Protein backbone atom coordinates (compact mmCIF):
# COMPACT_ATOMS: atom_id res chain seq x y z
CA MET A 1 61.01 117.25 65.50
CA ASN A 2 57.28 117.88 65.48
CA LYS A 3 55.70 121.11 64.22
CA GLN A 4 54.78 122.21 67.75
CA ASP A 5 58.44 122.20 68.80
CA GLU A 6 59.63 123.71 65.53
CA LEU A 7 57.31 126.70 65.97
CA ASN A 8 58.04 126.92 69.72
CA LEU A 9 54.46 126.24 70.77
CA LYS A 10 53.71 124.66 74.14
CA PHE A 11 50.69 122.49 74.87
CA TYR A 12 49.46 122.21 78.47
CA LYS A 13 46.64 120.56 80.36
CA LYS A 14 45.34 122.41 83.39
CA MET A 15 42.66 121.62 85.95
CA GLY A 16 40.14 124.42 86.39
CA PRO A 17 38.49 125.58 89.60
CA PHE A 18 35.59 123.14 89.16
CA ASN A 19 37.81 120.13 88.33
CA GLU A 20 37.30 120.59 84.60
CA LEU A 21 40.27 119.84 82.38
CA GLY A 22 41.41 122.77 80.27
CA TYR A 23 43.79 122.83 77.33
CA ILE A 24 46.23 125.64 76.73
CA LEU A 25 48.24 126.39 73.60
CA ASP A 26 50.95 128.81 74.67
CA SER A 27 52.43 130.71 71.74
CA SER A 28 54.12 133.43 73.82
CA ASN A 29 57.62 132.18 72.90
CA ALA A 30 56.83 131.66 69.23
CA ILE A 31 58.54 133.87 66.70
CA GLY A 32 56.72 136.55 64.72
CA ASN A 33 53.24 135.85 63.42
CA TYR A 34 53.25 132.35 64.92
CA LYS A 35 52.30 134.05 68.21
CA ARG A 36 48.83 134.50 66.68
CA LEU A 37 48.29 130.72 66.71
CA ASN A 38 47.04 130.84 70.30
CA ILE A 39 43.52 131.17 68.84
CA ILE A 40 43.67 127.43 68.13
CA GLN A 41 43.20 126.70 71.85
CA PHE A 42 39.68 128.17 71.72
CA LEU A 43 38.50 125.93 68.89
CA PRO A 44 36.25 122.94 69.58
CA LYS A 45 37.41 119.62 68.19
CA ILE A 46 34.73 119.71 65.47
CA VAL A 47 36.04 123.05 64.18
CA ILE A 48 39.63 121.77 64.22
CA THR A 49 38.57 118.73 62.20
CA TYR A 50 36.68 120.94 59.76
CA LEU A 51 39.74 123.19 59.33
CA ILE A 52 41.92 120.17 58.55
CA ASP A 53 39.34 118.94 56.02
CA THR A 54 39.13 122.43 54.48
CA ILE A 55 42.91 122.63 54.11
CA ASN A 56 42.86 119.22 52.41
CA SER A 57 40.15 120.45 50.01
CA ILE A 58 42.11 123.61 49.17
CA GLN A 59 45.32 121.67 48.62
CA ASN A 60 43.49 119.22 46.33
CA ASN A 61 41.82 122.03 44.37
CA GLN A 62 38.41 120.89 45.56
CA PRO A 63 35.55 123.19 46.49
CA TYR A 64 35.20 124.33 50.09
CA ASP A 65 32.99 126.72 52.00
CA PRO A 66 34.99 129.92 52.68
CA SER A 67 32.05 131.39 54.62
CA PHE A 68 32.76 128.82 57.35
CA LEU A 69 35.50 131.08 58.68
CA ASN A 70 33.05 133.99 58.91
CA SER A 71 30.23 131.98 60.46
CA ALA A 72 32.14 129.97 63.09
CA GLU A 73 31.50 131.63 66.44
CA GLU A 74 35.08 130.94 67.60
CA PHE A 75 36.45 133.13 64.80
CA SER A 76 34.12 136.06 65.46
CA VAL A 77 36.78 138.09 67.28
CA PHE A 78 39.50 137.38 64.72
CA GLU A 79 39.73 138.08 61.01
CA VAL A 80 40.80 134.74 59.58
CA LYS A 81 41.02 133.57 55.99
CA PHE A 82 42.78 131.22 53.66
CA SER A 83 44.97 132.96 51.10
CA ASN A 84 46.53 129.95 49.43
CA PRO A 85 49.08 128.80 50.47
CA TYR A 86 48.78 130.72 53.74
CA PHE A 87 46.33 131.03 56.61
CA SER A 88 45.95 134.64 57.67
CA ILE A 89 44.94 135.96 61.07
CA ASP A 90 44.01 139.62 61.51
CA GLY A 91 45.41 140.55 58.10
CA HIS A 92 48.78 138.83 58.62
CA GLU A 93 49.94 135.81 56.64
CA THR A 94 50.50 133.78 59.77
CA ILE A 95 51.34 130.25 58.72
CA HIS A 96 51.64 128.09 55.61
CA MET A 97 48.64 125.78 55.28
CA ASN A 98 50.87 122.67 55.34
CA ASP A 99 52.26 123.75 58.70
CA LEU A 100 48.86 124.77 60.03
CA LYS A 101 47.48 121.34 59.18
CA LEU A 102 50.32 119.69 61.10
CA VAL A 103 49.82 121.97 64.13
CA LEU A 104 46.07 121.28 64.10
CA GLN A 105 46.67 117.53 63.90
CA GLU A 106 49.15 117.67 66.78
CA TRP A 107 46.78 119.82 68.87
CA LEU A 108 43.87 117.48 68.17
CA SER A 109 46.01 114.48 69.12
CA PHE A 110 47.05 116.25 72.33
CA ARG A 111 43.42 117.06 73.15
CA ASN A 112 42.47 113.41 72.59
CA SER A 113 45.26 112.05 74.81
């Protein structure tokens, strides 16, 4: 079972009104704080890749730039931070970093398919 299914997240592709392809991460059926993961759908691929790299740095006790989460435009409406070993959204420990990395990798793979 992949992490998407385990957390009850649904990934969809949808054509927009101007024939642009949109990507939707539906977390409405997720349990508890996992519902907050819908913010991932708004992240550009470059930010997703940077988040994965940042998680790797944290897990390997390497330096990383924590201000990235404050400066990325996509996070401006959410309070997000790493509080090892969790990723917090709006003050709630939302997901373990290992699981977040897997979700991000699956979402990136879906977006690239």
